[in-house]
Amino acid sequence: MLISNAASKAVFRAEKMGKADLVASEHLFAGLNAFEPGQGHELHTHAGQDKLYYVLEGAGDVTVGEKQSRIGAGDLVLARSGEKHALLNPGPGRLLVMVVMGPPPGK
């Protein structure tokens, strides 16, 4: 399967983080999380799922476990199963992140 220009599938929303599913299989999921300035998602975990964030555009603050880091285009972040993680776009520009999870949500 090929998705040309995956970033063009992003959905930005004024009221909350936008999500766009790209691909899903029995073992893997990939989608886009699109953050306007000031948007983010709270500290949370995924039992039985590893999660990768790959920053396509912009910059943000990521928390994994007890560590907080500034991330930007080209950076890759791993949150292992059960590890607390959160992502915030402090602005001023947009933040676009590809999310890859294995196994996929709901599996």
N, C-alpha and C. Protein backbone atom coordinates (compact mmCIF):
# COMPACT_ATOMS: atom_id res chain seq x y z
N MET A 1 0.84 -1.17 0.00
CA MET A 1 0.00 0.00 0.00
C MET A 1 0.89 1.24 0.00
N LEU A 2 0.54 2.21 -0.78
CA LEU A 2 1.27 3.48 -0.88
C LEU A 2 0.30 4.62 -0.60
N ILE A 3 0.71 5.54 0.26
CA ILE A 3 -0.03 6.78 0.47
C ILE A 3 0.91 7.91 0.08
N SER A 4 0.65 8.53 -1.04
CA SER A 4 1.48 9.63 -1.50
C SER A 4 1.19 10.88 -0.67
N ASN A 5 2.24 11.58 -0.30
CA ASN A 5 2.14 12.82 0.46
C ASN A 5 1.20 12.66 1.67
N ALA A 6 1.56 11.75 2.56
CA ALA A 6 0.73 11.43 3.73
C ALA A 6 0.38 12.67 4.54
N ALA A 7 1.30 13.62 4.65
CA ALA A 7 1.05 14.82 5.45
C ALA A 7 -0.14 15.62 4.94
N SER A 8 -0.44 15.50 3.66
CA SER A 8 -1.58 16.24 3.09
C SER A 8 -2.92 15.73 3.61
N LYS A 9 -2.93 14.59 4.27
CA LYS A 9 -4.16 14.01 4.82
C LYS A 9 -4.50 14.59 6.20
N ALA A 10 -3.63 15.45 6.74
CA ALA A 10 -3.83 16.01 8.08
C ALA A 10 -5.11 16.82 8.16
N VAL A 11 -5.75 16.75 9.34
CA VAL A 11 -6.96 17.50 9.62
C VAL A 11 -6.70 18.35 10.86
N PHE A 12 -6.62 19.66 10.66
CA PHE A 12 -6.45 20.58 11.79
C PHE A 12 -7.82 21.10 12.20
N ARG A 13 -8.06 21.16 13.51
CA ARG A 13 -9.33 21.63 14.05
C ARG A 13 -9.07 22.72 15.08
N ALA A 14 -9.88 23.75 15.08
CA ALA A 14 -9.71 24.86 16.02
C ALA A 14 -10.01 24.44 17.45
N GLU A 15 -10.98 23.54 17.64
CA GLU A 15 -11.45 23.21 18.98
C GLU A 15 -10.65 22.13 19.69
N LYS A 16 -10.00 21.22 18.94
CA LYS A 16 -9.20 20.16 19.56
C LYS A 16 -8.27 19.54 18.53
N MET A 17 -7.32 18.73 19.02
CA MET A 17 -6.38 18.06 18.14
C MET A 17 -7.13 17.28 17.05
N GLY A 18 -6.65 17.40 15.82
CA GLY A 18 -7.24 16.65 14.72
C GLY A 18 -6.54 15.32 14.53
N LYS A 19 -7.31 14.31 14.12
CA LYS A 19 -6.76 12.98 13.86
C LYS A 19 -7.16 12.53 12.47
N ALA A 20 -6.25 11.83 11.81
CA ALA A 20 -6.53 11.24 10.51
C ALA A 20 -5.87 9.87 10.47
N ASP A 21 -6.66 8.83 10.27
CA ASP A 21 -6.11 7.48 10.12
C ASP A 21 -5.50 7.34 8.73
N LEU A 22 -4.32 6.75 8.66
CA LEU A 22 -3.66 6.52 7.38
C LEU A 22 -3.76 5.06 6.96
N VAL A 23 -3.25 4.15 7.78
CA VAL A 23 -3.28 2.72 7.46
C VAL A 23 -3.46 1.92 8.74
N ALA A 24 -4.03 0.75 8.58
CA ALA A 24 -4.16 -0.17 9.71
C ALA A 24 -4.09 -1.59 9.16
N SER A 25 -3.41 -2.43 9.92
CA SER A 25 -3.36 -3.85 9.60
C SER A 25 -3.61 -4.61 10.89
N GLU A 26 -3.47 -5.88 10.84
CA GLU A 26 -3.67 -6.69 12.04
C GLU A 26 -2.63 -6.37 13.12
N HIS A 27 -1.45 -5.91 12.71
CA HIS A 27 -0.35 -5.73 13.65
C HIS A 27 0.12 -4.29 13.84
N LEU A 28 -0.33 -3.36 12.99
CA LEU A 28 0.23 -2.02 13.00
C LEU A 28 -0.80 -0.98 12.58
N PHE A 29 -0.68 0.23 13.15
CA PHE A 29 -1.55 1.35 12.81
C PHE A 29 -0.69 2.58 12.60
N ALA A 30 -1.04 3.42 11.64
CA ALA A 30 -0.38 4.72 11.46
C ALA A 30 -1.44 5.77 11.19
N GLY A 31 -1.27 6.92 11.81
CA GLY A 31 -2.19 8.03 11.61
C GLY A 31 -1.47 9.34 11.85
N LEU A 32 -2.21 10.43 11.71
CA LEU A 32 -1.67 11.76 11.92
C LEU A 32 -2.38 12.44 13.07
N ASN A 33 -1.63 13.10 13.92
CA ASN A 33 -2.17 13.98 14.95
C ASN A 33 -1.76 15.39 14.57
N ALA A 34 -2.75 16.28 14.47
CA ALA A 34 -2.53 17.65 14.02
C ALA A 34 -2.91 18.62 15.14
N PHE A 35 -1.94 19.41 15.59
CA PHE A 35 -2.12 20.30 16.74
C PHE A 35 -1.99 21.75 16.32
N GLU A 36 -3.02 22.53 16.59
CA GLU A 36 -2.91 23.98 16.47
C GLU A 36 -2.14 24.47 17.71
N PRO A 37 -1.61 25.68 17.69
CA PRO A 37 -0.93 26.20 18.86
C PRO A 37 -1.82 26.12 20.11
N GLY A 38 -1.23 25.64 21.21
CA GLY A 38 -1.96 25.52 22.47
C GLY A 38 -2.64 24.18 22.67
N GLN A 39 -2.74 23.37 21.62
CA GLN A 39 -3.40 22.07 21.74
C GLN A 39 -2.40 20.99 22.15
N GLY A 40 -2.92 19.93 22.73
CA GLY A 40 -2.09 18.80 23.12
C GLY A 40 -2.96 17.66 23.57
N HIS A 41 -2.33 16.61 24.04
CA HIS A 41 -3.09 15.55 24.71
C HIS A 41 -2.42 15.26 26.03
N GLU A 42 -3.27 14.97 27.01
CA GLU A 42 -2.85 14.80 28.39
C GLU A 42 -1.99 13.55 28.57
N LEU A 43 -1.29 13.52 29.68
CA LEU A 43 -0.47 12.38 30.06
C LEU A 43 -1.36 11.13 30.14
N HIS A 44 -0.97 10.08 29.44
CA HIS A 44 -1.76 8.85 29.41
C HIS A 44 -0.84 7.67 29.08
N THR A 45 -1.38 6.46 29.13
CA THR A 45 -0.63 5.25 28.80
C THR A 45 -1.46 4.38 27.87
N HIS A 46 -0.79 3.42 27.25
CA HIS A 46 -1.45 2.39 26.44
C HIS A 46 -0.94 1.04 26.93
N ALA A 47 -1.81 0.25 27.49
CA ALA A 47 -1.43 -1.09 27.95
C ALA A 47 -1.32 -2.01 26.74
N GLY A 48 -0.20 -2.68 26.60
CA GLY A 48 -0.02 -3.64 25.52
C GLY A 48 0.25 -3.04 24.16
N GLN A 49 0.52 -1.73 24.09
CA GLN A 49 0.81 -1.08 22.81
C GLN A 49 2.04 -0.18 22.94
N ASP A 50 2.94 -0.29 21.98
CA ASP A 50 4.03 0.67 21.85
C ASP A 50 3.58 1.74 20.88
N LYS A 51 4.09 2.97 21.09
CA LYS A 51 3.68 4.10 20.26
C LYS A 51 4.90 4.89 19.83
N LEU A 52 4.97 5.19 18.56
CA LEU A 52 6.01 6.06 18.00
C LEU A 52 5.37 7.37 17.55
N TYR A 53 6.06 8.47 17.85
CA TYR A 53 5.71 9.77 17.29
C TYR A 53 6.84 10.17 16.35
N TYR A 54 6.49 10.56 15.12
CA TYR A 54 7.48 11.08 14.19
C TYR A 54 7.01 12.48 13.78
N VAL A 55 7.81 13.48 14.10
CA VAL A 55 7.41 14.86 13.84
C VAL A 55 7.64 15.19 12.36
N LEU A 56 6.55 15.52 11.68
CA LEU A 56 6.62 15.88 10.26
C LEU A 56 6.83 17.38 10.08
N GLU A 57 6.13 18.18 10.89
CA GLU A 57 6.20 19.64 10.77
C GLU A 57 6.03 20.27 12.14
N GLY A 58 6.73 21.38 12.37
CA GLY A 58 6.55 22.15 13.59
C GLY A 58 7.43 21.68 14.73
N ALA A 59 7.08 22.16 15.93
CA ALA A 59 7.83 21.83 17.14
C ALA A 59 6.86 21.70 18.29
N GLY A 60 7.24 20.90 19.29
CA GLY A 60 6.37 20.70 20.44
C GLY A 60 7.15 20.21 21.64
N ASP A 61 6.42 19.99 22.72
CA ASP A 61 6.98 19.45 23.95
C ASP A 61 6.40 18.07 24.18
N VAL A 62 7.27 17.09 24.38
CA VAL A 62 6.82 15.72 24.62
C VAL A 62 7.30 15.29 26.01
N THR A 63 6.44 14.55 26.68
CA THR A 63 6.80 13.93 27.95
C THR A 63 6.68 12.43 27.77
N VAL A 64 7.74 11.71 28.14
CA VAL A 64 7.73 10.25 28.15
C VAL A 64 8.32 9.84 29.49
N GLY A 65 7.51 9.14 30.29
CA GLY A 65 7.95 8.82 31.64
C GLY A 65 8.09 10.11 32.43
N GLU A 66 9.26 10.32 33.01
CA GLU A 66 9.53 11.53 33.79
C GLU A 66 10.29 12.59 32.99
N LYS A 67 10.62 12.28 31.73
CA LYS A 67 11.46 13.18 30.94
C LYS A 67 10.63 14.01 29.96
N GLN A 68 10.88 15.32 29.95
CA GLN A 68 10.24 16.22 29.00
C GLN A 68 11.30 16.73 28.04
N SER A 69 10.95 16.80 26.74
CA SER A 69 11.90 17.24 25.72
C SER A 69 11.19 18.11 24.70
N ARG A 70 11.96 19.00 24.09
CA ARG A 70 11.47 19.77 22.94
C ARG A 70 11.76 18.93 21.70
N ILE A 71 10.76 18.78 20.82
CA ILE A 71 10.93 17.99 19.61
C ILE A 71 10.60 18.85 18.40
N GLY A 72 11.18 18.48 17.26
CA GLY A 72 10.94 19.20 16.02
C GLY A 72 10.97 18.26 14.84
N ALA A 73 10.75 18.82 13.66
CA ALA A 73 10.67 18.05 12.42
C ALA A 73 11.85 17.09 12.30
N GLY A 74 11.54 15.83 12.04
CA GLY A 74 12.56 14.80 11.89
C GLY A 74 12.82 14.00 13.15
N ASP A 75 12.30 14.46 14.30
CA ASP A 75 12.52 13.74 15.56
C ASP A 75 11.56 12.56 15.70
N LEU A 76 12.05 11.50 16.34
CA LEU A 76 11.29 10.28 16.57
C LEU A 76 11.28 10.00 18.07
N VAL A 77 10.09 9.69 18.61
CA VAL A 77 9.92 9.45 20.04
C VAL A 77 9.23 8.11 20.23
N LEU A 78 9.72 7.31 21.18
CA LEU A 78 9.11 6.03 21.52
C LEU A 78 8.51 6.11 22.92
N ALA A 79 7.24 5.72 23.03
CA ALA A 79 6.58 5.50 24.32
C ALA A 79 6.23 4.02 24.37
N ARG A 80 6.90 3.30 25.24
CA ARG A 80 6.67 1.85 25.35
C ARG A 80 5.34 1.57 26.04
N SER A 81 4.85 0.39 25.86
CA SER A 81 3.61 -0.05 26.51
C SER A 81 3.66 0.27 28.00
N GLY A 82 2.62 0.93 28.50
CA GLY A 82 2.51 1.26 29.91
C GLY A 82 3.29 2.49 30.35
N GLU A 83 4.05 3.11 29.44
CA GLU A 83 4.85 4.28 29.77
C GLU A 83 4.01 5.55 29.57
N LYS A 84 3.95 6.40 30.60
CA LYS A 84 3.18 7.64 30.50
C LYS A 84 3.79 8.54 29.44
N HIS A 85 2.91 9.19 28.65
CA HIS A 85 3.38 10.11 27.62
C HIS A 85 2.32 11.17 27.34
N ALA A 86 2.79 12.32 26.88
CA ALA A 86 1.92 13.44 26.52
C ALA A 86 2.63 14.28 25.47
N LEU A 87 1.84 15.06 24.73
CA LEU A 87 2.39 15.91 23.68
C LEU A 87 1.65 17.24 23.70
N LEU A 88 2.40 18.34 23.56
CA LEU A 88 1.82 19.69 23.59
C LEU A 88 2.46 20.53 22.51
N ASN A 89 1.64 21.32 21.84
CA ASN A 89 2.15 22.31 20.90
C ASN A 89 2.06 23.68 21.57
N PRO A 90 3.19 24.21 22.06
CA PRO A 90 3.15 25.51 22.72
C PRO A 90 3.05 26.69 21.74
N GLY A 91 3.17 26.40 20.43
CA GLY A 91 3.08 27.45 19.42
C GLY A 91 4.45 28.04 19.12
N PRO A 92 4.54 28.99 18.24
CA PRO A 92 3.42 29.70 17.64
C PRO A 92 2.83 29.03 16.39
N GLY A 93 3.53 28.05 15.80
CA GLY A 93 3.04 27.42 14.57
C GLY A 93 2.32 26.11 14.85
N ARG A 94 1.87 25.49 13.78
CA ARG A 94 1.21 24.19 13.86
C ARG A 94 2.23 23.08 14.12
N LEU A 95 1.73 21.94 14.64
CA LEU A 95 2.55 20.75 14.87
C LEU A 95 1.84 19.57 14.21
N LEU A 96 2.55 18.85 13.36
CA LEU A 96 2.00 17.67 12.70
C LEU A 96 2.89 16.47 13.01
N VAL A 97 2.26 15.42 13.57
CA VAL A 97 2.98 14.25 14.04
C VAL A 97 2.36 12.99 13.46
N MET A 98 3.20 12.11 12.91
CA MET A 98 2.72 10.78 12.52
C MET A 98 2.81 9.89 13.75
N VAL A 99 1.75 9.16 14.01
CA VAL A 99 1.68 8.24 15.13
C VAL A 99 1.64 6.83 14.57
N VAL A 100 2.51 5.96 15.09
CA VAL A 100 2.52 4.55 14.70
C VAL A 100 2.37 3.73 15.96
N MET A 101 1.41 2.80 15.97
CA MET A 101 1.15 1.98 17.15
C MET A 101 1.11 0.52 16.76
N GLY A 102 1.65 -0.30 17.65
CA GLY A 102 1.58 -1.73 17.45
C GLY A 102 1.36 -2.42 18.79
N PRO A 103 0.38 -3.27 18.87
CA PRO A 103 -0.65 -3.51 17.87
C PRO A 103 -1.58 -2.32 17.74
N PRO A 104 -2.44 -2.31 16.72
CA PRO A 104 -3.34 -1.18 16.49
C PRO A 104 -4.33 -1.01 17.64
N PRO A 105 -4.89 0.20 17.78
CA PRO A 105 -5.94 0.42 18.77
C PRO A 105 -7.08 -0.58 18.57
N GLY A 106 -7.61 -1.08 19.66
CA GLY A 106 -8.73 -2.01 19.58
C GLY A 106 -8.33 -3.45 19.38
N LYS A 107 -7.06 -3.75 19.26
CA LYS A 107 -6.61 -5.14 19.06
C LYS A 107 -6.18 -5.76 20.36
